[in-house]
């Protein structure tokens, strides 16, 4: 039996929101596509709660044995079907940092961005360089990505312990207090990445090399 989240967020997030906010703070982020793609989020506490319930469901005859479950913020999302509009909620975090709203800027057509992404894929393959813009990233930023969690609710008795509106606002507040003061919009790392993003990438590569 496996329990997984989708698009984890929360205070101390070291990957998802920092990357988005760094791009917005340096003025490079734009909405990809029509900006209406749907997504579900999983607060880190909700994911932890799901894992605990999953462990408790490991008993002989459990209906959860051998199954795969997704746990998210569920019906606490702005849309009761269990999803948010991705770019709308990202923009709340971006504006919360005092950056300009990206929804007010011109949108980048999905077809053009996919073509650029494939070119970046080719360049990365040919040179071994790590390029942040790629076809996979464009696809993730423009597709619908939300899941029905009824199976987890039924078999694991899962319900979110942190509602999305509360969790998202607390996350924004944490980034305002802890991340924003350290942000330096003019500090750039290699390949156009903010230096702090590059440091995280280097650390992940180092850990991967050690594991191998």
N, C-alpha and C. Protein backbone atom coordinates (compact mmCIF):
# COMPACT_ATOMS: atom_id res chain seq x y z
N UNK A 1 0.84 -1.19 0.00
CA UNK A 1 0.00 0.00 0.00
C UNK A 1 0.88 1.25 0.00
N UNK A 2 0.50 2.22 -0.84
CA UNK A 2 1.26 3.46 -0.94
C UNK A 2 0.34 4.66 -0.76
N UNK A 3 0.88 5.70 -0.12
CA UNK A 3 0.15 6.96 0.05
C UNK A 3 1.04 8.07 -0.50
N UNK A 4 0.50 8.85 -1.42
CA UNK A 4 1.28 9.91 -2.05
C UNK A 4 0.50 11.22 -2.05
N UNK A 5 1.19 12.34 -2.05
CA UNK A 5 0.55 13.66 -2.15
C UNK A 5 0.59 14.15 -3.58
N UNK A 6 0.07 15.34 -3.80
CA UNK A 6 0.27 16.00 -5.08
C UNK A 6 0.59 17.47 -4.84
N UNK A 7 1.70 17.92 -5.36
CA UNK A 7 2.19 19.29 -5.24
C UNK A 7 2.18 19.75 -3.77
N UNK A 8 3.14 19.20 -3.03
CA UNK A 8 3.27 19.53 -1.61
C UNK A 8 3.69 20.99 -1.44
N UNK A 9 3.14 21.63 -0.43
CA UNK A 9 3.51 23.01 -0.10
C UNK A 9 3.46 23.17 1.41
N UNK A 10 3.95 24.28 1.88
CA UNK A 10 3.89 24.59 3.31
C UNK A 10 5.09 25.43 3.71
N UNK A 11 5.08 25.94 4.94
CA UNK A 11 6.24 26.68 5.45
C UNK A 11 7.51 25.83 5.33
N UNK A 12 8.62 26.50 5.06
CA UNK A 12 9.93 25.86 4.91
C UNK A 12 10.07 25.08 3.61
N UNK A 13 9.11 25.18 2.71
CA UNK A 13 9.24 24.56 1.38
C UNK A 13 10.55 25.03 0.77
N UNK A 14 11.35 24.09 0.31
CA UNK A 14 12.67 24.44 -0.23
C UNK A 14 12.77 24.29 -1.74
N UNK A 15 11.66 23.99 -2.42
CA UNK A 15 11.77 23.76 -3.86
C UNK A 15 10.66 24.41 -4.67
N UNK A 16 9.41 24.04 -4.42
CA UNK A 16 8.31 24.49 -5.27
C UNK A 16 8.13 26.01 -5.24
N UNK A 17 7.74 26.57 -4.11
CA UNK A 17 7.49 28.01 -4.05
C UNK A 17 8.76 28.85 -4.21
N UNK A 18 9.90 28.47 -3.63
CA UNK A 18 11.10 29.29 -3.86
C UNK A 18 11.42 29.48 -5.33
N UNK A 19 11.30 28.42 -6.12
CA UNK A 19 11.59 28.54 -7.55
C UNK A 19 10.62 29.49 -8.24
N UNK A 20 9.33 29.37 -7.90
CA UNK A 20 8.31 30.23 -8.50
C UNK A 20 8.54 31.68 -8.08
N UNK A 21 8.77 31.90 -6.80
CA UNK A 21 8.91 33.26 -6.30
C UNK A 21 10.19 33.91 -6.80
N UNK A 22 11.25 33.14 -6.94
CA UNK A 22 12.49 33.70 -7.48
C UNK A 22 12.29 34.18 -8.92
N UNK A 23 11.60 33.37 -9.72
CA UNK A 23 11.34 33.76 -11.11
C UNK A 23 10.45 34.99 -11.16
N UNK A 24 9.45 35.05 -10.28
CA UNK A 24 8.56 36.22 -10.26
C UNK A 24 9.31 37.45 -9.78
N UNK A 25 10.15 37.29 -8.76
CA UNK A 25 10.87 38.42 -8.20
C UNK A 25 11.88 39.02 -9.13
N UNK A 26 12.42 38.21 -10.05
CA UNK A 26 13.37 38.72 -11.03
C UNK A 26 12.68 39.17 -12.31
N UNK A 27 11.34 39.10 -12.32
CA UNK A 27 10.58 39.61 -13.47
C UNK A 27 10.53 38.69 -14.66
N UNK A 28 10.93 37.43 -14.49
CA UNK A 28 11.00 36.52 -15.63
C UNK A 28 9.79 35.59 -15.75
N UNK A 29 8.95 35.55 -14.74
CA UNK A 29 7.84 34.61 -14.78
C UNK A 29 6.64 35.20 -15.50
N UNK A 30 6.03 34.39 -16.35
CA UNK A 30 4.79 34.74 -17.03
C UNK A 30 3.83 33.56 -16.93
N UNK A 31 2.56 33.84 -17.10
CA UNK A 31 1.57 32.77 -17.15
C UNK A 31 1.74 32.02 -18.46
N UNK A 32 1.82 30.71 -18.39
CA UNK A 32 1.90 29.87 -19.58
C UNK A 32 0.50 29.44 -19.96
N UNK A 33 0.15 29.56 -21.22
CA UNK A 33 -1.16 29.15 -21.69
C UNK A 33 -2.24 30.12 -21.27
N UNK A 34 -3.47 29.61 -21.12
CA UNK A 34 -4.59 30.50 -20.80
C UNK A 34 -4.72 30.79 -19.31
N UNK A 35 -3.90 30.13 -18.50
CA UNK A 35 -3.90 30.41 -17.07
C UNK A 35 -5.06 29.82 -16.31
N UNK A 36 -5.80 28.87 -16.92
CA UNK A 36 -6.98 28.30 -16.27
C UNK A 36 -6.80 26.82 -15.90
N UNK A 37 -5.59 26.32 -15.96
CA UNK A 37 -5.40 24.91 -15.64
C UNK A 37 -5.62 24.65 -14.15
N UNK A 38 -6.23 23.51 -13.88
CA UNK A 38 -6.63 23.14 -12.52
C UNK A 38 -5.56 22.26 -11.88
N UNK A 39 -5.40 22.43 -10.56
CA UNK A 39 -4.40 21.65 -9.83
C UNK A 39 -4.92 21.40 -8.42
N UNK A 40 -4.45 20.33 -7.80
CA UNK A 40 -4.73 20.14 -6.38
C UNK A 40 -3.41 20.21 -5.62
N UNK A 41 -3.48 20.72 -4.42
CA UNK A 41 -2.31 20.88 -3.56
C UNK A 41 -2.43 19.97 -2.34
N UNK A 42 -1.29 19.66 -1.73
CA UNK A 42 -1.26 18.88 -0.50
C UNK A 42 -0.39 19.60 0.52
N UNK A 43 -1.02 20.13 1.56
CA UNK A 43 -0.24 20.74 2.63
C UNK A 43 0.61 19.65 3.28
N UNK A 44 1.82 19.99 3.67
CA UNK A 44 2.74 18.99 4.21
C UNK A 44 2.15 18.28 5.43
N UNK A 45 1.36 18.99 6.24
CA UNK A 45 0.72 18.35 7.40
C UNK A 45 -0.34 17.35 6.96
N UNK A 46 -1.03 17.66 5.87
CA UNK A 46 -2.03 16.71 5.36
C UNK A 46 -1.37 15.45 4.82
N UNK A 47 -0.25 15.63 4.16
CA UNK A 47 0.49 14.46 3.66
C UNK A 47 0.97 13.60 4.82
N UNK A 48 1.51 14.25 5.86
CA UNK A 48 1.97 13.51 7.03
C UNK A 48 0.81 12.76 7.69
N UNK A 49 -0.34 13.42 7.76
CA UNK A 49 -1.53 12.79 8.32
C UNK A 49 -1.93 11.57 7.50
N UNK A 50 -1.84 11.69 6.18
CA UNK A 50 -2.17 10.57 5.31
C UNK A 50 -1.23 9.39 5.52
N UNK A 51 0.05 9.67 5.72
CA UNK A 51 1.02 8.60 5.96
C UNK A 51 0.73 7.87 7.27
N UNK A 52 0.36 8.63 8.29
CA UNK A 52 0.03 8.02 9.58
C UNK A 52 -1.19 7.11 9.44
N UNK A 53 -2.21 7.61 8.73
CA UNK A 53 -3.41 6.79 8.51
C UNK A 53 -3.09 5.55 7.69
N UNK A 54 -2.17 5.70 6.74
CA UNK A 54 -1.77 4.55 5.93
C UNK A 54 -1.10 3.49 6.78
N UNK A 55 -0.25 3.91 7.72
CA UNK A 55 0.41 2.95 8.60
C UNK A 55 -0.61 2.25 9.49
N UNK A 56 -1.60 2.99 9.95
CA UNK A 56 -2.63 2.41 10.81
C UNK A 56 -3.52 1.43 10.05
N UNK A 57 -3.54 1.56 8.73
CA UNK A 57 -4.39 0.68 7.91
C UNK A 57 -3.69 -0.62 7.52
N UNK A 58 -2.47 -0.82 8.00
CA UNK A 58 -1.74 -2.04 7.67
C UNK A 58 -2.04 -3.13 8.69
N UNK A 59 -3.15 -3.79 8.48
CA UNK A 59 -3.54 -4.89 9.35
C UNK A 59 -4.19 -5.97 8.48
N UNK A 60 -4.20 -7.20 8.92
CA UNK A 60 -4.77 -8.29 8.11
C UNK A 60 -6.22 -8.00 7.72
N UNK A 61 -6.51 -8.15 6.46
CA UNK A 61 -7.86 -7.94 5.97
C UNK A 61 -8.21 -6.50 5.68
N UNK A 62 -7.26 -5.60 5.83
CA UNK A 62 -7.53 -4.19 5.57
C UNK A 62 -7.89 -3.97 4.11
N UNK A 63 -8.89 -3.11 3.83
CA UNK A 63 -9.25 -2.83 2.43
C UNK A 63 -8.17 -2.02 1.71
N UNK A 64 -7.19 -1.51 2.48
CA UNK A 64 -6.15 -0.68 1.87
C UNK A 64 -4.97 -1.47 1.35
N UNK A 65 -4.87 -2.73 1.71
CA UNK A 65 -3.70 -3.52 1.34
C UNK A 65 -3.55 -3.61 -0.19
N UNK A 66 -2.34 -3.34 -0.66
CA UNK A 66 -2.05 -3.45 -2.08
C UNK A 66 -2.57 -2.32 -2.94
N UNK A 67 -3.06 -1.24 -2.32
CA UNK A 67 -3.64 -0.14 -3.09
C UNK A 67 -2.77 1.12 -3.04
N UNK A 68 -3.07 2.03 -3.96
CA UNK A 68 -2.35 3.31 -4.06
C UNK A 68 -3.33 4.44 -3.80
N UNK A 69 -2.95 5.36 -2.91
CA UNK A 69 -3.85 6.46 -2.55
C UNK A 69 -3.18 7.80 -2.74
N UNK A 70 -3.96 8.78 -3.18
CA UNK A 70 -3.54 10.17 -3.26
C UNK A 70 -4.24 10.93 -2.15
N UNK A 71 -3.48 11.73 -1.39
CA UNK A 71 -4.08 12.58 -0.37
C UNK A 71 -3.75 14.04 -0.70
N UNK A 72 -4.77 14.89 -0.71
CA UNK A 72 -4.59 16.31 -1.02
C UNK A 72 -5.41 17.13 -0.02
N UNK A 73 -5.50 18.42 -0.28
CA UNK A 73 -6.33 19.28 0.57
C UNK A 73 -7.82 19.11 0.26
N UNK A 74 -8.13 18.26 -0.69
CA UNK A 74 -9.50 17.84 -0.96
C UNK A 74 -10.49 18.97 -1.19
N UNK A 75 -11.65 18.85 -0.58
CA UNK A 75 -12.73 19.80 -0.82
C UNK A 75 -12.49 21.15 -0.16
N UNK A 76 -11.38 21.29 0.58
CA UNK A 76 -11.07 22.60 1.17
C UNK A 76 -10.45 23.54 0.14
N UNK A 77 -10.13 23.03 -1.05
CA UNK A 77 -9.66 23.89 -2.14
C UNK A 77 -10.75 24.92 -2.48
N UNK A 78 -10.40 25.99 -3.18
CA UNK A 78 -11.42 26.98 -3.57
C UNK A 78 -12.60 26.37 -4.31
N UNK A 79 -12.35 25.33 -5.08
CA UNK A 79 -13.42 24.63 -5.78
C UNK A 79 -13.69 23.31 -5.06
N UNK A 80 -14.90 23.11 -4.62
CA UNK A 80 -15.24 21.99 -3.76
C UNK A 80 -15.00 20.62 -4.41
N UNK A 81 -14.87 20.62 -5.74
CA UNK A 81 -14.55 19.36 -6.41
C UNK A 81 -13.13 18.90 -6.08
N UNK A 82 -12.35 19.77 -5.44
CA UNK A 82 -11.01 19.39 -4.99
C UNK A 82 -9.88 19.98 -5.80
N UNK A 83 -10.06 21.18 -6.34
CA UNK A 83 -8.98 21.77 -7.12
C UNK A 83 -8.93 23.29 -6.95
N UNK A 84 -7.77 23.84 -7.31
CA UNK A 84 -7.55 25.28 -7.40
C UNK A 84 -7.23 25.61 -8.85
N UNK A 85 -7.35 26.87 -9.22
CA UNK A 85 -6.83 27.33 -10.51
C UNK A 85 -5.38 27.72 -10.25
N UNK A 86 -4.47 26.97 -10.83
CA UNK A 86 -3.05 27.03 -10.52
C UNK A 86 -2.49 28.46 -10.49
N UNK A 87 -2.68 29.20 -11.58
CA UNK A 87 -2.05 30.51 -11.68
C UNK A 87 -2.71 31.54 -10.78
N UNK A 88 -3.97 31.35 -10.45
CA UNK A 88 -4.64 32.29 -9.54
C UNK A 88 -4.02 32.22 -8.15
N UNK A 89 -3.81 31.01 -7.65
CA UNK A 89 -3.26 30.88 -6.31
C UNK A 89 -1.76 31.19 -6.28
N UNK A 90 -1.04 30.86 -7.34
CA UNK A 90 0.35 31.29 -7.40
C UNK A 90 0.46 32.80 -7.34
N UNK A 91 -0.46 33.47 -8.04
CA UNK A 91 -0.41 34.93 -8.07
C UNK A 91 -0.65 35.53 -6.68
N UNK A 92 -1.46 34.87 -5.87
CA UNK A 92 -1.68 35.35 -4.51
C UNK A 92 -0.37 35.33 -3.72
N UNK A 93 0.41 34.28 -3.90
CA UNK A 93 1.71 34.19 -3.22
C UNK A 93 2.67 35.23 -3.76
N UNK A 94 2.66 35.42 -5.07
CA UNK A 94 3.56 36.38 -5.71
C UNK A 94 3.26 37.80 -5.26
N UNK A 95 1.99 38.18 -5.30
CA UNK A 95 1.59 39.51 -4.85
C UNK A 95 1.84 39.67 -3.35
N UNK A 96 1.70 38.56 -2.61
CA UNK A 96 1.96 38.59 -1.18
C UNK A 96 3.39 38.93 -0.84
N UNK A 97 4.32 38.67 -1.77
CA UNK A 97 5.73 39.04 -1.57
C UNK A 97 6.00 40.49 -1.97
N UNK A 98 4.95 41.16 -2.50
CA UNK A 98 5.13 42.53 -2.97
C UNK A 98 5.58 42.62 -4.41
N UNK A 99 5.57 41.49 -5.13
CA UNK A 99 5.95 41.47 -6.54
C UNK A 99 4.74 41.81 -7.41
N UNK A 100 5.00 42.20 -8.63
CA UNK A 100 3.93 42.54 -9.56
C UNK A 100 3.12 41.31 -9.92
N UNK A 101 1.82 41.48 -10.04
CA UNK A 101 0.94 40.37 -10.43
C UNK A 101 1.31 39.87 -11.82
N UNK A 102 1.46 38.55 -11.94
CA UNK A 102 1.79 37.99 -13.26
C UNK A 102 0.53 37.83 -14.12
N UNK A 103 -0.63 37.83 -13.49
CA UNK A 103 -1.87 37.69 -14.26
C UNK A 103 -2.15 38.95 -15.07
N UNK A 104 -1.56 40.08 -14.66
CA UNK A 104 -1.77 41.33 -15.37
C UNK A 104 -0.81 41.47 -16.55
N UNK A 105 0.17 40.57 -16.63
CA UNK A 105 1.15 40.62 -17.71
C UNK A 105 0.69 39.74 -18.87
N UNK A 106 1.32 39.91 -20.01
CA UNK A 106 0.95 39.11 -21.17
C UNK A 106 1.20 37.63 -20.91
N UNK A 107 0.29 36.78 -21.38
CA UNK A 107 0.45 35.34 -21.24
C UNK A 107 1.27 34.79 -22.41
N UNK A 108 1.99 33.72 -22.14
CA UNK A 108 2.80 33.09 -23.18
C UNK A 108 2.06 31.89 -23.75
N UNK A 109 1.78 31.86 -25.06
CA UNK A 109 1.03 30.76 -25.66
C UNK A 109 1.69 29.40 -25.41
N UNK A 110 0.87 28.42 -25.09
CA UNK A 110 1.40 27.10 -24.76
C UNK A 110 2.18 26.49 -25.92
N UNK A 111 1.66 26.62 -27.14
CA UNK A 111 2.34 26.03 -28.29
C UNK A 111 3.74 26.57 -28.49
N UNK A 112 3.89 27.86 -28.35
CA UNK A 112 5.21 28.48 -28.51
C UNK A 112 6.15 28.03 -27.41
N UNK A 113 5.64 27.97 -26.16
CA UNK A 113 6.49 27.57 -25.03
C UNK A 113 6.89 26.10 -25.13
N UNK A 114 6.00 25.26 -25.66
CA UNK A 114 6.37 23.86 -25.85
C UNK A 114 7.48 23.72 -26.88
N UNK A 115 7.38 24.51 -27.96
CA UNK A 115 8.42 24.47 -28.99
C UNK A 115 9.77 24.90 -28.41
N UNK A 116 9.75 25.97 -27.62
CA UNK A 116 10.98 26.43 -26.97
C UNK A 116 11.49 25.38 -26.00
N UNK A 117 10.55 24.74 -25.29
CA UNK A 117 10.94 23.69 -24.35
C UNK A 117 11.66 22.54 -25.03
N UNK A 118 11.18 22.12 -26.21
CA UNK A 118 11.83 21.04 -26.94
C UNK A 118 13.22 21.45 -27.42
N UNK A 119 13.37 22.71 -27.80
CA UNK A 119 14.69 23.21 -28.20
C UNK A 119 15.64 23.16 -27.00
N UNK A 120 15.13 23.57 -25.84
CA UNK A 120 15.96 23.52 -24.63
C UNK A 120 16.31 22.08 -24.26
N UNK A 121 15.37 21.15 -24.48
CA UNK A 121 15.66 19.73 -24.25
C UNK A 121 16.84 19.29 -25.09
N UNK A 122 16.82 19.68 -26.36
CA UNK A 122 17.88 19.29 -27.29
C UNK A 122 19.21 19.90 -26.89
N UNK A 123 19.19 21.17 -26.53
CA UNK A 123 20.43 21.84 -26.11
C UNK A 123 20.99 21.18 -24.85
N UNK A 124 20.10 20.89 -23.90
CA UNK A 124 20.54 20.24 -22.68
C UNK A 124 21.13 18.86 -22.94
N UNK A 125 20.48 18.11 -23.84
CA UNK A 125 20.99 16.78 -24.19
C UNK A 125 22.35 16.87 -24.87
N UNK A 126 22.51 17.84 -25.74
CA UNK A 126 23.75 17.96 -26.50
C UNK A 126 24.91 18.49 -25.66
N UNK A 127 24.63 19.35 -24.70
CA UNK A 127 25.69 20.00 -23.93
C UNK A 127 25.84 19.48 -22.51
N UNK A 128 24.83 18.77 -22.03
CA UNK A 128 24.87 18.31 -20.65
C UNK A 128 24.49 19.39 -19.65
N UNK A 129 24.06 20.54 -20.17
CA UNK A 129 23.70 21.65 -19.30
C UNK A 129 22.31 21.43 -18.70
N UNK A 130 22.10 21.95 -17.50
CA UNK A 130 20.80 21.87 -16.86
C UNK A 130 20.05 23.17 -17.16
N UNK A 131 19.02 23.10 -17.96
CA UNK A 131 18.25 24.27 -18.35
C UNK A 131 16.88 24.20 -17.69
N UNK A 132 16.54 25.25 -16.98
CA UNK A 132 15.32 25.22 -16.19
C UNK A 132 14.06 25.11 -17.05
N UNK A 133 14.05 25.80 -18.19
CA UNK A 133 12.91 25.72 -19.09
C UNK A 133 13.05 24.49 -19.97
N UNK A 134 12.09 23.59 -19.93
CA UNK A 134 12.11 22.39 -20.75
C UNK A 134 10.68 21.97 -21.04
N UNK A 135 10.52 21.00 -21.93
CA UNK A 135 9.17 20.60 -22.34
C UNK A 135 8.37 20.01 -21.18
N UNK A 136 9.05 19.28 -20.29
CA UNK A 136 8.35 18.71 -19.14
C UNK A 136 7.81 19.82 -18.24
N UNK A 137 8.62 20.83 -17.97
CA UNK A 137 8.19 21.94 -17.13
C UNK A 137 7.01 22.68 -17.73
N UNK A 138 7.05 22.92 -19.04
CA UNK A 138 5.94 23.61 -19.71
C UNK A 138 4.67 22.78 -19.58
N UNK A 139 4.81 21.48 -19.77
CA UNK A 139 3.64 20.59 -19.67
C UNK A 139 3.05 20.65 -18.26
N UNK A 140 3.90 20.63 -17.24
CA UNK A 140 3.42 20.65 -15.86
C UNK A 140 2.75 21.97 -15.51
N UNK A 141 3.18 23.06 -16.14
CA UNK A 141 2.63 24.38 -15.84
C UNK A 141 1.36 24.70 -16.62
N UNK A 142 0.97 23.82 -17.54
CA UNK A 142 -0.19 24.14 -18.37
C UNK A 142 -1.28 23.06 -18.35
N UNK A 143 -0.99 21.89 -17.83
CA UNK A 143 -1.98 20.81 -17.86
C UNK A 143 -2.83 20.81 -16.59
N UNK A 144 -4.00 20.19 -16.68
CA UNK A 144 -4.83 19.97 -15.49
C UNK A 144 -4.20 18.84 -14.68
N UNK A 145 -4.06 19.07 -13.36
CA UNK A 145 -3.47 18.05 -12.49
C UNK A 145 -4.23 18.05 -11.16
N UNK A 146 -5.32 17.35 -11.12
CA UNK A 146 -6.03 17.24 -9.84
C UNK A 146 -6.66 15.87 -9.72
N UNK A 147 -6.83 15.41 -8.49
CA UNK A 147 -7.19 14.02 -8.24
C UNK A 147 -8.37 13.90 -7.29
N UNK A 148 -9.15 12.86 -7.50
CA UNK A 148 -10.24 12.50 -6.61
C UNK A 148 -9.66 11.70 -5.43
N UNK A 149 -9.98 12.10 -4.21
CA UNK A 149 -9.41 11.42 -3.05
C UNK A 149 -10.44 10.56 -2.30
N UNK A 150 -11.53 10.22 -2.98
CA UNK A 150 -12.58 9.45 -2.33
C UNK A 150 -12.08 8.11 -1.79
N UNK A 151 -11.15 7.48 -2.48
CA UNK A 151 -10.63 6.18 -2.02
C UNK A 151 -9.92 6.33 -0.68
N UNK A 152 -9.12 7.38 -0.53
CA UNK A 152 -8.43 7.61 0.74
C UNK A 152 -9.42 7.96 1.84
N UNK A 153 -10.44 8.72 1.48
CA UNK A 153 -11.47 9.08 2.46
C UNK A 153 -12.22 7.84 2.93
N UNK A 154 -12.48 6.93 2.02
CA UNK A 154 -13.25 5.73 2.35
C UNK A 154 -12.41 4.70 3.11
N UNK A 155 -11.25 4.34 2.58
CA UNK A 155 -10.47 3.24 3.15
C UNK A 155 -9.59 3.68 4.32
N UNK A 156 -9.05 4.90 4.25
CA UNK A 156 -8.14 5.37 5.29
C UNK A 156 -8.83 6.31 6.28
N UNK A 157 -10.09 6.66 5.97
CA UNK A 157 -10.82 7.65 6.78
C UNK A 157 -10.09 8.99 6.80
N UNK A 158 -9.50 9.32 5.64
CA UNK A 158 -8.70 10.55 5.53
C UNK A 158 -9.57 11.78 5.35
N UNK A 159 -9.26 12.82 6.10
CA UNK A 159 -9.78 14.17 5.86
C UNK A 159 -8.64 15.13 6.13
N UNK A 160 -8.53 16.22 5.40
CA UNK A 160 -7.44 17.17 5.62
C UNK A 160 -7.50 17.76 7.03
N UNK A 161 -6.34 17.87 7.66
CA UNK A 161 -6.29 18.49 8.99
C UNK A 161 -6.02 19.99 8.87
N UNK A 162 -5.52 20.42 7.70
CA UNK A 162 -5.30 21.84 7.41
C UNK A 162 -6.05 22.18 6.13
N UNK A 163 -6.98 23.12 6.19
CA UNK A 163 -7.69 23.55 5.00
C UNK A 163 -6.79 24.34 4.08
N UNK A 164 -7.09 24.32 2.78
CA UNK A 164 -6.21 24.98 1.82
C UNK A 164 -6.07 26.47 2.07
N UNK A 165 -7.16 27.17 2.29
CA UNK A 165 -7.09 28.62 2.48
C UNK A 165 -6.20 28.96 3.66
N UNK A 166 -6.36 28.24 4.77
CA UNK A 166 -5.52 28.47 5.94
C UNK A 166 -4.06 28.12 5.64
N UNK A 167 -3.85 26.93 5.06
CA UNK A 167 -2.49 26.49 4.79
C UNK A 167 -1.75 27.38 3.81
N UNK A 168 -2.45 27.81 2.76
CA UNK A 168 -1.81 28.66 1.74
C UNK A 168 -1.45 30.01 2.33
N UNK A 169 -2.36 30.61 3.13
CA UNK A 169 -2.07 31.91 3.73
C UNK A 169 -0.93 31.81 4.75
N UNK A 170 -0.92 30.75 5.55
CA UNK A 170 0.17 30.58 6.51
C UNK A 170 1.50 30.39 5.80
N UNK A 171 1.47 29.72 4.67
CA UNK A 171 2.69 29.53 3.88
C UNK A 171 3.18 30.86 3.32
N UNK A 172 2.26 31.65 2.79
CA UNK A 172 2.62 32.98 2.28
C UNK A 172 3.21 33.83 3.41
N UNK A 173 2.57 33.79 4.57
CA UNK A 173 3.06 34.56 5.72
C UNK A 173 4.47 34.14 6.10
N UNK A 174 4.72 32.83 6.08
CA UNK A 174 6.05 32.33 6.45
C UNK A 174 7.10 32.82 5.44
N UNK A 175 6.76 32.77 4.16
CA UNK A 175 7.71 33.23 3.14
C UNK A 175 7.94 34.73 3.23
N UNK A 176 6.92 35.49 3.58
CA UNK A 176 7.10 36.92 3.77
C UNK A 176 8.11 37.20 4.88
N UNK A 177 8.01 36.44 5.94
CA UNK A 177 8.86 36.69 7.11
C UNK A 177 10.26 36.10 6.99
N UNK A 178 10.35 34.93 6.36
CA UNK A 178 11.62 34.21 6.37
C UNK A 178 12.36 34.17 5.04
N UNK A 179 11.61 34.10 3.94
CA UNK A 179 12.27 34.01 2.64
C UNK A 179 12.51 35.38 2.03
N UNK A 180 11.54 36.25 2.08
CA UNK A 180 11.62 37.54 1.38
C UNK A 180 12.80 38.39 1.81
N UNK A 181 13.13 38.49 3.11
CA UNK A 181 14.26 39.33 3.50
C UNK A 181 15.59 38.87 2.91
N UNK A 182 15.70 37.59 2.56
CA UNK A 182 16.95 37.05 2.04
C UNK A 182 17.02 37.11 0.51
N UNK A 183 15.89 37.46 -0.08
CA UNK A 183 15.84 37.44 -1.54
C UNK A 183 16.57 38.65 -2.13
N UNK A 184 17.39 38.40 -3.08
CA UNK A 184 18.11 39.46 -3.78
C UNK A 184 17.84 39.31 -5.27
N UNK A 185 16.98 40.15 -5.78
CA UNK A 185 16.52 40.00 -7.16
C UNK A 185 17.66 40.12 -8.18
N UNK A 186 18.73 40.83 -7.82
CA UNK A 186 19.81 41.05 -8.79
C UNK A 186 20.85 39.96 -8.76
N UNK A 187 20.79 39.04 -7.79
CA UNK A 187 21.81 38.02 -7.65
C UNK A 187 21.48 36.85 -8.56
N UNK A 188 22.30 36.59 -9.54
CA UNK A 188 22.03 35.54 -10.52
C UNK A 188 23.07 34.44 -10.43
N UNK A 189 22.59 33.22 -10.65
CA UNK A 189 23.49 32.09 -10.75
C UNK A 189 23.67 31.70 -12.21
N UNK A 190 24.31 30.59 -12.46
CA UNK A 190 24.58 30.15 -13.82
C UNK A 190 23.28 29.82 -14.54
N UNK A 191 23.30 29.97 -15.87
CA UNK A 191 22.18 29.65 -16.75
C UNK A 191 20.92 30.43 -16.38
N UNK A 192 21.10 31.64 -15.78
CA UNK A 192 19.94 32.46 -15.47
C UNK A 192 19.20 32.03 -14.23
N UNK A 193 19.72 31.08 -13.46
CA UNK A 193 19.06 30.65 -12.24
C UNK A 193 19.48 31.55 -11.10
N UNK A 194 18.56 31.83 -10.20
CA UNK A 194 18.91 32.55 -8.99
C UNK A 194 19.93 31.71 -8.23
N UNK A 195 20.89 32.35 -7.56
CA UNK A 195 21.99 31.63 -6.93
C UNK A 195 21.50 30.63 -5.90
N UNK A 196 20.44 30.95 -5.17
CA UNK A 196 19.95 30.04 -4.15
C UNK A 196 19.32 28.80 -4.77
N UNK A 197 18.69 28.96 -5.93
CA UNK A 197 18.18 27.80 -6.65
C UNK A 197 19.34 26.93 -7.12
N UNK A 198 20.37 27.56 -7.64
CA UNK A 198 21.53 26.80 -8.11
C UNK A 198 22.18 26.04 -6.96
N UNK A 199 22.25 26.65 -5.78
CA UNK A 199 22.82 25.97 -4.62
C UNK A 199 22.04 24.71 -4.28
N UNK A 200 20.70 24.78 -4.35
CA UNK A 200 19.88 23.61 -4.04
C UNK A 200 20.09 22.52 -5.08
N UNK A 201 20.20 22.91 -6.36
CA UNK A 201 20.43 21.94 -7.42
C UNK A 201 21.78 21.25 -7.21
N UNK A 202 22.80 22.04 -6.87
CA UNK A 202 24.13 21.47 -6.64
C UNK A 202 24.13 20.49 -5.47
N UNK A 203 23.36 20.83 -4.41
CA UNK A 203 23.27 19.95 -3.25
C UNK A 203 22.60 18.63 -3.62
N UNK A 204 21.49 18.72 -4.40
CA UNK A 204 20.82 17.49 -4.82
C UNK A 204 21.71 16.62 -5.67
N UNK A 205 22.47 17.24 -6.59
CA UNK A 205 23.40 16.48 -7.43
C UNK A 205 24.48 15.82 -6.59
N UNK A 206 24.97 16.55 -5.57
CA UNK A 206 26.02 16.02 -4.70
C UNK A 206 25.51 14.82 -3.92
N UNK A 207 24.30 14.93 -3.39
CA UNK A 207 23.73 13.81 -2.63
C UNK A 207 23.49 12.61 -3.51
N UNK A 208 23.05 12.87 -4.77
CA UNK A 208 22.80 11.77 -5.70
C UNK A 208 24.12 11.04 -6.02
N UNK A 209 25.20 11.82 -6.21
CA UNK A 209 26.50 11.22 -6.52
C UNK A 209 26.99 10.36 -5.36
N UNK A 210 26.80 10.86 -4.14
CA UNK A 210 27.23 10.09 -2.96
C UNK A 210 26.46 8.78 -2.84
N UNK A 211 25.15 8.83 -3.17
CA UNK A 211 24.30 7.65 -3.06
C UNK A 211 24.72 6.59 -4.06
N UNK A 212 25.19 7.06 -5.23
CA UNK A 212 25.62 6.12 -6.27
C UNK A 212 26.96 5.49 -5.96
